[in-house]
Protein backbone atom coordinates (compact mmCIF):
# COMPACT_ATOMS: atom_id res chain seq x y z
CA MET A 1 141.63 82.17 75.75
CA LEU A 2 141.73 82.35 71.96
CA ARG A 3 142.31 79.37 69.78
CA ARG A 4 142.61 80.20 66.07
CA VAL A 5 141.84 77.77 63.29
CA LEU A 6 142.18 78.53 59.59
CA ALA A 7 140.97 75.79 57.27
CA TRP A 8 143.49 77.22 54.79
CA PRO A 9 145.35 80.56 55.21
CA PHE A 10 142.55 82.12 53.19
CA ALA A 11 140.12 79.36 52.40
CA PRO A 12 138.50 80.01 49.00
CA GLN A 13 134.98 79.14 47.98
CA ARG A 14 136.26 76.88 45.23
CA ARG A 15 133.36 77.12 42.84
CA THR A 16 133.24 80.92 42.84
CA LEU A 17 137.02 81.28 42.60
CA THR A 18 137.17 78.73 39.80
CA VAL A 19 134.57 80.61 37.80
CA LEU A 20 136.43 83.89 38.27
CA LEU A 21 139.74 82.37 37.24
CA ILE A 22 138.15 80.89 34.12
CA ILE A 23 136.70 84.32 33.28
CA LEU A 24 140.07 85.95 33.88
CA VAL A 25 142.00 83.50 31.68
CA ALA A 26 139.35 83.60 28.96
CA ALA A 27 139.22 87.40 28.99
CA VAL A 28 143.01 87.74 28.76
CA PHE A 29 143.27 85.11 26.00
CA ILE A 30 140.49 86.54 23.87
CA ALA A 31 141.53 90.16 24.46
CA THR A 32 145.09 89.35 23.42
CA GLY A 33 143.88 87.74 20.23
CA THR A 34 141.22 90.31 19.30
CA GLY A 35 142.35 93.48 21.02
CA PHE A 36 138.79 94.10 22.26
CA TRP A 37 139.08 96.78 25.00
CA LEU A 38 136.09 95.57 27.08
CA LEU A 39 137.69 92.19 27.70
CA TYR A 40 140.83 93.97 28.96
CA ARG A 41 138.65 95.91 31.42
CA ILE A 42 137.02 92.70 32.62
CA ALA A 43 140.41 91.05 33.12
CA TYR A 44 141.67 94.06 35.11
CA ILE A 45 138.59 94.12 37.33
CA VAL A 46 138.76 90.38 38.07
CA ALA A 47 142.52 90.47 38.68
CA MET A 48 142.16 93.36 41.13
CA GLY A 49 138.97 92.05 42.75
CA ILE A 50 140.44 88.72 43.88
CA PRO A 51 143.16 90.19 46.18
CA VAL A 52 140.72 92.86 47.43
CA ALA A 53 138.24 90.12 48.38
CA LEU A 54 141.02 88.22 50.11
CA ILE A 55 141.97 91.29 52.21
CA LEU A 56 138.34 92.00 53.14
CA ALA A 57 137.82 88.39 54.29
CA TRP A 58 140.98 88.62 56.39
CA LEU A 59 139.93 91.90 58.01
CA ASN A 60 136.46 90.61 58.91
CA THR A 61 137.76 88.28 61.64
CA ARG A 62 140.51 90.55 63.00
CA ALA A 63 140.34 92.98 65.94
CA LEU A 64 137.38 91.14 67.48
CA GLU A 65 136.84 90.53 71.17
CA VAL A 66 134.48 87.61 71.69
CA GLN A 67 133.11 86.40 75.02
CA VAL A 68 130.86 83.40 75.60
CA GLU A 69 129.19 82.92 78.96
CA ARG A 70 127.53 79.53 79.18
CA ARG A 71 125.23 79.99 82.12
CA THR A 72 123.98 76.42 82.29
CA LEU A 73 126.47 73.59 82.74
CA ARG A 74 124.00 71.28 84.49
CA GLY A 75 120.33 71.03 83.78
CA GLN A 76 117.39 68.67 83.53
CA VAL A 77 115.29 67.55 80.61
CA GLY A 78 112.62 70.19 80.05
CA GLN A 79 114.65 73.08 81.43
CA GLU A 80 116.28 75.87 79.42
CA ALA A 81 120.04 76.14 78.86
CA GLU A 82 121.27 79.67 78.27
CA GLU A 83 124.43 81.21 76.91
CA LEU A 84 125.34 84.86 76.45
CA ILE A 85 127.44 85.76 73.38
CA GLU A 86 129.13 89.14 73.08
CA VAL A 87 131.17 90.32 70.08
CA ARG A 88 133.01 93.63 70.21
CA ASN A 89 134.69 95.31 67.22
CA LEU A 90 137.95 96.89 68.42
CA SER A 91 138.79 98.51 65.09
CA TYR A 92 137.41 101.50 63.21
CA ILE A 93 136.58 99.32 60.23
CA PRO A 94 133.01 97.93 60.31
CA LYS A 95 132.76 94.16 60.22
CA MET A 96 130.49 93.02 57.44
CA TRP A 97 129.33 89.52 56.55
CA VAL A 98 130.34 87.98 59.92
CA GLU A 99 128.75 84.66 60.88
CA LEU A 100 128.95 83.24 64.42
CA GLU A 101 128.13 79.71 65.49
CA ASP A 102 128.53 77.85 68.77
CA PRO A 103 128.68 74.21 67.62
CA SER A 104 127.22 71.61 69.96
CA ASP A 105 125.88 68.08 69.84
CA LEU A 106 123.12 69.13 72.23
CA PRO A 107 119.80 68.16 70.56
CA GLY A 108 117.82 71.20 69.44
CA HIS A 109 120.73 73.62 69.87
CA GLN A 110 120.75 76.37 67.22
CA SER A 111 123.11 79.29 67.70
CA ARG A 112 124.16 80.37 64.21
CA ARG A 113 123.72 84.05 63.50
CA ALA A 114 124.97 86.54 60.89
CA VAL A 115 125.72 90.02 62.20
CA VAL A 116 127.09 93.35 61.09
CA ILE A 117 129.27 94.99 63.72
CA PRO A 118 129.75 98.75 63.35
CA SER A 119 132.98 100.58 64.01
CA ARG A 120 133.94 100.17 67.70
CA GLY A 121 130.54 98.56 68.18
CA LEU A 122 129.14 95.70 70.24
CA ARG A 123 126.64 92.97 69.46
CA SER A 124 125.28 90.62 72.12
CA TRP A 125 122.45 88.13 72.41
CA VAL A 126 121.22 85.24 74.51
CA VAL A 127 120.76 81.77 73.04
CA SER A 128 118.20 79.58 74.84
CA THR A 129 117.98 75.86 74.17
CA THR A 130 115.34 73.55 75.60
CA LEU A 131 117.05 70.47 77.00
CA GLN A 132 115.45 67.55 75.20
CA ARG A 133 117.59 64.54 76.08
CA ARG A 134 119.68 63.37 79.01
CA GLY A 135 123.40 62.88 78.59
CA LEU A 136 126.76 64.64 78.49
CA PHE A 137 127.12 67.05 75.57
CA ASP A 138 129.84 69.34 74.20
CA TRP A 139 129.57 73.08 73.75
CA GLY A 140 131.92 75.26 71.71
CA PRO A 141 134.35 76.67 70.99
CA LEU A 142 132.58 79.62 69.37
CA ARG A 143 133.36 79.80 65.66
CA VAL A 144 133.56 83.16 63.89
CA ARG A 145 133.50 83.11 60.12
CA GLY A 146 134.11 86.17 57.97
CA GLY A 147 133.91 86.56 54.23
CA ASP A 148 134.06 89.07 51.46
CA PRO A 149 131.04 90.62 49.70
CA PHE A 150 131.73 88.60 46.56
CA GLY A 151 131.71 85.24 48.30
CA ILE A 152 135.18 84.31 47.10
CA PHE A 153 137.11 83.79 50.33
CA TYR A 154 136.34 83.21 54.00
CA THR A 155 138.34 82.93 57.21
CA GLU A 156 137.45 81.15 60.44
CA ARG A 157 138.59 81.66 64.00
CA ASP A 158 137.61 79.77 67.15
CA TYR A 159 137.20 81.64 70.42
CA GLY A 160 137.14 80.13 73.88
CA VAL A 161 137.35 76.47 74.79
CA ARG A 162 135.07 73.50 74.56
CA GLN A 163 132.84 72.97 77.59
CA GLN A 164 130.39 70.26 78.56
CA ILE A 165 126.83 70.33 79.79
CA LEU A 166 125.34 67.48 81.81
CA VAL A 167 121.61 66.96 81.31
CA TYR A 168 119.80 65.05 84.04
CA PRO A 169 116.96 62.70 83.08
CA ARG A 170 113.34 63.75 83.28
CA VAL A 171 111.78 63.32 86.72
CA VAL A 172 108.07 62.78 87.39
CA ASP A 173 106.31 63.34 90.72
CA LEU A 174 105.09 60.04 92.16
CA PRO A 175 102.97 61.08 95.14
CA ARG A 176 101.16 57.74 95.40
CA PHE A 177 103.99 55.37 94.64
CA GLN A 178 104.35 52.85 97.47
CA THR A 179 106.82 50.21 98.54
CA PRO A 180 106.30 47.60 101.24
CA PRO A 181 107.83 48.62 104.60
CA ALA A 182 110.93 46.75 105.73
CA SER A 183 110.91 44.69 108.90
CA LEU A 184 112.39 47.01 111.50
CA PRO A 185 112.74 45.42 114.95
CA GLY A 186 111.66 47.64 117.81
CA GLU A 187 112.68 51.22 117.39
CA GLY A 188 114.88 50.52 114.40
CA ARG A 189 117.75 48.45 113.22
CA PHE A 190 120.43 50.92 114.20
CA ARG A 191 121.26 54.09 116.04
CA ARG A 192 123.62 56.41 114.27
CA ARG A 193 124.40 60.06 114.77
CA THR A 194 123.41 62.34 111.93
CA HIS A 195 123.47 66.03 111.04
CA TYR A 196 119.81 65.81 109.92
CA ILE A 197 117.01 66.84 112.26
CA THR A 198 114.94 63.75 113.12
CA PRO A 199 112.42 62.93 115.88
CA ASN A 200 115.17 60.99 117.67
CA ALA A 201 117.08 63.46 119.87
CA SER A 202 119.97 61.57 121.48
CA GLY A 203 121.93 64.18 123.46
CA ILE A 204 123.48 67.60 123.55
CA ARG A 205 126.82 69.15 122.63
CA ASP A 206 128.48 72.54 122.51
CA TRP A 207 127.24 74.97 119.88
CA ALA A 208 129.41 75.28 116.78
CA PRO A 209 129.37 77.93 114.03
CA GLY A 210 126.74 77.03 111.47
CA ASP A 211 124.33 75.33 113.90
CA PRO A 212 120.80 76.72 113.42
CA LEU A 213 118.90 78.31 116.30
CA SER A 214 116.25 75.59 116.06
CA ARG A 215 118.74 73.08 117.47
CA ILE A 216 119.60 75.03 120.60
CA HIS A 217 118.61 73.27 123.84
CA TRP A 218 117.64 76.26 125.95
CA ARG A 219 117.33 74.45 129.28
CA SER A 220 120.89 73.13 129.06
CA THR A 221 122.07 76.50 127.82
CA ALA A 222 120.56 78.22 130.86
CA HIS A 223 122.05 75.59 133.19
CA THR A 224 125.61 75.71 131.82
CA GLY A 225 125.80 79.31 130.71
CA GLU A 226 127.04 78.13 127.29
CA LEU A 227 125.09 77.58 124.09
CA MET A 228 124.21 73.88 123.80
CA VAL A 229 122.57 72.18 120.81
CA LYS A 230 120.68 68.92 120.44
CA THR A 231 122.13 65.94 118.59
CA PHE A 232 120.00 63.47 116.64
CA GLU A 233 119.99 59.91 115.41
CA LEU A 234 118.68 58.58 112.13
CA ASP A 235 115.06 57.57 111.92
CA PRO A 236 114.38 53.85 112.04
CA THR A 237 113.63 53.59 108.31
CA SER A 238 114.93 51.16 105.77
CA ASP A 239 117.38 51.81 102.96
CA ILE A 240 115.82 52.08 99.51
CA TRP A 241 117.84 50.51 96.69
CA VAL A 242 116.76 51.37 93.15
CA ILE A 243 117.97 48.80 90.61
CA ALA A 244 117.76 49.97 86.99
CA ASP A 245 118.04 47.05 84.57
CA MET A 246 120.18 48.35 81.69
CA GLU A 247 120.75 45.05 79.89
CA GLY A 248 120.95 45.79 76.18
CA ALA A 249 119.23 42.63 74.93
CA ILE A 250 115.88 43.40 76.58
CA GLN A 251 115.44 46.95 75.30
CA ALA A 252 112.93 48.09 72.68
CA GLY A 253 111.95 51.35 71.03
CA GLU A 254 114.06 54.31 70.00
CA GLY A 255 114.95 57.71 71.42
CA ASP A 256 112.69 59.12 74.09
CA GLU A 257 110.05 56.48 73.38
CA SER A 258 112.18 53.51 74.38
CA THR A 259 112.28 51.14 77.31
CA GLU A 260 115.73 52.51 78.15
CA GLU A 261 114.45 56.06 78.65
CA TYR A 262 111.38 54.90 80.57
CA THR A 263 113.61 52.80 82.85
CA VAL A 264 115.86 55.78 83.56
CA THR A 265 112.92 58.13 84.14
CA VAL A 266 111.21 55.75 86.54
CA ALA A 267 114.43 55.11 88.47
CA ALA A 268 115.15 58.84 88.77
CA SER A 269 111.58 59.60 89.83
CA VAL A 270 111.56 56.91 92.52
CA ALA A 271 114.90 58.17 93.86
CA GLN A 272 113.59 61.73 94.03
CA ARG A 273 110.41 60.65 95.81
CA TYR A 274 112.20 58.92 98.66
CA ILE A 275 115.06 61.39 99.02
CA ALA A 276 112.43 64.14 99.32
CA ALA A 277 110.99 62.06 102.18
CA ASN A 278 114.46 62.06 103.84
CA ARG A 279 114.99 58.38 103.14
CA SER A 280 118.35 56.76 102.44
CA VAL A 281 118.45 55.84 98.74
CA GLY A 282 121.03 53.96 96.66
CA LEU A 283 121.30 53.04 92.98
CA ILE A 284 122.63 50.02 91.11
CA SER A 285 122.76 49.70 87.34
CA PHE A 286 124.85 47.73 84.88
CA GLY A 287 124.80 49.21 81.42
CA GLU A 288 127.78 50.58 79.57
CA ASP A 289 129.40 50.84 83.02
CA TYR A 290 128.78 49.12 86.31
CA THR A 291 127.40 51.73 88.71
CA VAL A 292 126.80 51.53 92.44
CA VAL A 293 125.81 54.67 94.35
CA GLU A 294 125.83 53.80 98.04
CA ALA A 295 122.64 54.56 99.95
CA GLU A 296 122.65 58.04 101.51
CA ARG A 297 120.26 60.90 102.19
CA GLY A 298 120.00 64.49 101.02
CA GLN A 299 119.98 66.53 97.84
CA GLN A 300 123.62 65.81 97.12
CA GLN A 301 122.74 62.12 96.99
CA LEU A 302 119.96 62.87 94.52
CA SER A 303 122.47 64.77 92.37
CA ARG A 304 124.84 61.78 92.41
CA ILE A 305 122.05 59.44 91.35
CA LEU A 306 120.86 61.75 88.58
CA GLU A 307 124.43 62.17 87.33
CA SER A 308 124.80 58.39 87.07
CA LEU A 309 121.47 57.99 85.30
CA ALA A 310 122.20 60.91 82.94
CA VAL A 311 125.05 59.02 81.26
CA ALA A 312 123.69 55.49 81.67
CA LYS A 313 123.54 53.46 78.45
CA ALA A 314 121.48 50.31 78.05
CA SER A 315 124.30 48.23 76.63
CA GLY A 316 124.95 45.89 79.55
CA GLU A 317 125.41 42.16 79.10
CA ALA A 318 124.57 41.01 82.63
CA PRO A 319 120.99 39.75 83.16
CA LEU A 320 119.05 41.12 86.12
CA GLY A 321 119.18 37.75 87.92
CA ASN A 322 122.99 37.75 87.88
CA LEU A 323 123.00 41.29 89.22
CA LEU A 324 120.73 40.34 92.13
CA ILE A 325 122.90 37.35 93.01
CA GLU A 326 126.11 39.38 92.80
CA GLU A 327 124.80 42.21 94.99
CA GLN A 328 122.74 40.19 97.46
CA ARG A 329 125.22 40.88 100.26
CA ARG A 330 124.13 44.51 100.23
CA PHE A 331 120.52 43.69 101.01
CA GLY A 332 119.51 42.77 104.56
CA ARG A 333 116.24 42.35 106.41
CA HIS A 334 115.82 46.08 106.61
CA THR A 335 116.26 46.86 102.92
CA THR A 336 113.61 47.71 100.35
CA LEU A 337 114.35 47.06 96.67
CA VAL A 338 112.72 48.84 93.74
CA LEU A 339 113.47 46.96 90.52
CA VAL A 340 112.85 48.71 87.21
CA THR A 341 113.13 46.38 84.23
CA ALA A 342 111.85 45.67 80.74
CA SER A 343 112.74 41.98 81.02
CA THR A 344 109.97 39.45 80.42
CA ASP A 345 112.24 36.52 81.30
CA SER A 346 111.29 35.05 84.66
CA SER A 347 114.84 33.78 85.35
CA TRP A 348 115.46 36.70 87.73
CA LEU A 349 112.33 35.93 89.74
CA SER A 350 113.99 33.13 91.70
CA PRO A 351 116.87 35.31 93.05
CA LEU A 352 114.33 37.98 93.97
CA GLN A 353 112.12 35.48 95.79
CA SER A 354 115.17 34.24 97.66
CA LEU A 355 115.88 37.77 98.86
CA VAL A 356 112.26 38.26 99.90
CA GLN A 357 112.39 35.04 101.93
CA ARG A 358 115.39 36.48 103.78
CA GLY A 359 113.32 39.51 104.80
CA VAL A 360 114.11 41.92 101.99
CA ARG A 361 111.08 43.90 100.83
CA ALA A 362 110.66 44.50 97.11
CA SER A 363 108.62 46.37 94.54
CA VAL A 364 108.92 45.81 90.80
CA VAL A 365 108.18 48.20 87.94
CA LEU A 366 107.72 46.25 84.70
CA ILE A 367 108.23 48.25 81.49
CA ASP A 368 106.10 46.48 78.87
CA PRO A 369 108.40 46.05 75.82
CA SER A 370 105.55 44.92 73.55
CA THR A 371 104.13 48.46 73.60
CA PHE A 372 107.49 49.78 72.33
CA GLY A 373 107.59 47.42 69.35
CA GLY A 374 109.54 44.73 71.16
CA GLU A 375 108.80 41.06 71.68
CA GLY A 376 107.34 39.40 74.74
CA SER A 377 104.73 40.42 77.25
CA PRO A 378 105.14 40.74 81.04
CA LEU A 379 101.71 39.18 81.62
CA VAL A 380 103.05 35.85 82.91
CA LEU A 381 105.76 37.53 84.94
CA TYR A 382 103.24 39.93 86.44
CA GLY A 383 101.11 37.00 87.59
CA GLU A 384 104.09 35.22 89.15
CA LEU A 385 105.17 38.37 91.00
CA THR A 386 101.74 39.08 92.39
CA ALA A 387 101.39 35.41 93.36
CA SER A 388 104.62 35.82 95.32
CA ASP A 389 103.05 38.81 97.09
CA ILE A 390 105.54 41.22 95.49
CA LEU A 391 104.13 44.67 94.81
CA THR A 392 104.21 45.14 91.04
CA TYR A 393 103.53 48.05 88.69
CA VAL A 394 103.26 47.89 84.90
CA VAL A 395 104.20 50.78 82.61
CA ALA A 396 103.37 50.88 78.90
CA GLN A 397 104.48 53.33 76.24
CA GLY A 398 102.67 56.66 76.56
CA ASP A 399 101.48 56.04 80.12
CA ASP A 400 101.18 58.87 82.60
CA LEU A 401 103.80 57.68 85.07
CA SER A 402 102.22 59.47 88.03
CA TYR A 403 99.07 57.45 87.43
CA ALA A 404 100.63 54.16 86.30
CA LEU A 405 102.85 54.06 89.39
CA SER A 406 100.11 54.85 91.86
CA SER A 407 98.43 51.46 92.24
CA THR A 408 98.93 47.85 91.19
CA ALA A 409 95.27 47.91 90.16
CA VAL A 410 96.30 49.98 87.14
CA GLY A 411 98.48 47.15 85.89
CA ALA A 412 95.80 44.57 86.65
CA GLU A 413 93.18 46.53 84.75
CA ALA A 414 95.56 46.86 81.81
CA TRP A 415 95.44 43.12 81.23
CA GLN A 416 91.64 43.13 81.23
CA THR A 417 91.26 45.79 78.54
């Protein structure tokens, strides 16, 4: 689909055109008064050159076939986003002085290029952009700008439509991150059928298209003469709820080196760790929007969580304590909470302790705002959490998250150095 935009039917480069018009008027005026033949020649050349330049600028953006294939519409920080741009000249007139640009607010995106397209020729290239920041960004439409060799006029045309690319937050492997186990009575708090393969086989049913061979129960198949497959129930494991504190007043730092980005990265990394372990994971955050992603398993659940965190903004007004009180009905005896916060205010400790007394298990990741140029230190809060027997990690600016989130001893040693 082509969408054409002309800033003006033939948008002039005002400074160049102004100079030429001044030369033209001056040459005509002086030549008329003096009869000097050279000034007449100059006036003729300028008067003829302006419309010729206008026609050349107009021709440079006509009879073009432009295709843009944006191969990456979802990606993750650190990955490469690619787009293929093809420009074909459908006319027998070569296209000179053609500039193409795919405008985008994606950080680090540079796609401007000047090309010469021969008669009936084709130019194509791939633009790769390293994804540097999470968020939702615009791409396009592709802008083609043609001019004349004298730099007097230019024309612009837009090809294609605007698209968006969603960039997931950075995720770090946390192989040694631990949370306290929830209190699961007996074999588990529930029995529920699931399409996942678990150690808990609960029965058999008729085979259906799409069932893998590994689920076939051969003894029952031989007995009935029909293919039978095993059914399963969920493992007796607790739900993991990741709570990302996106209150605006507690944040410090800027850009990638901010408590906001560290909070998002930690929350995404924790979610990935437990979903990879086939655990049921949910997310709660209250920033620019109030977000609740109900606890589920599987890669689709990880995608939902990463999508929510990709667009999360730390502009919320609700303190973490209010959030815990409001959502306490979601957390039972068989729930494990992972709180990620840069708050040094201990007002949310009481609601958390209340949940722990009811049987909820909890881990806390404290992002130290003082290392990001903010005020306050989590030292007192860290002591109160550990005194309450709540597993606590501390993350400072520049920390290796895989190491900082591997043992509470790391946080304890940090206060001694």
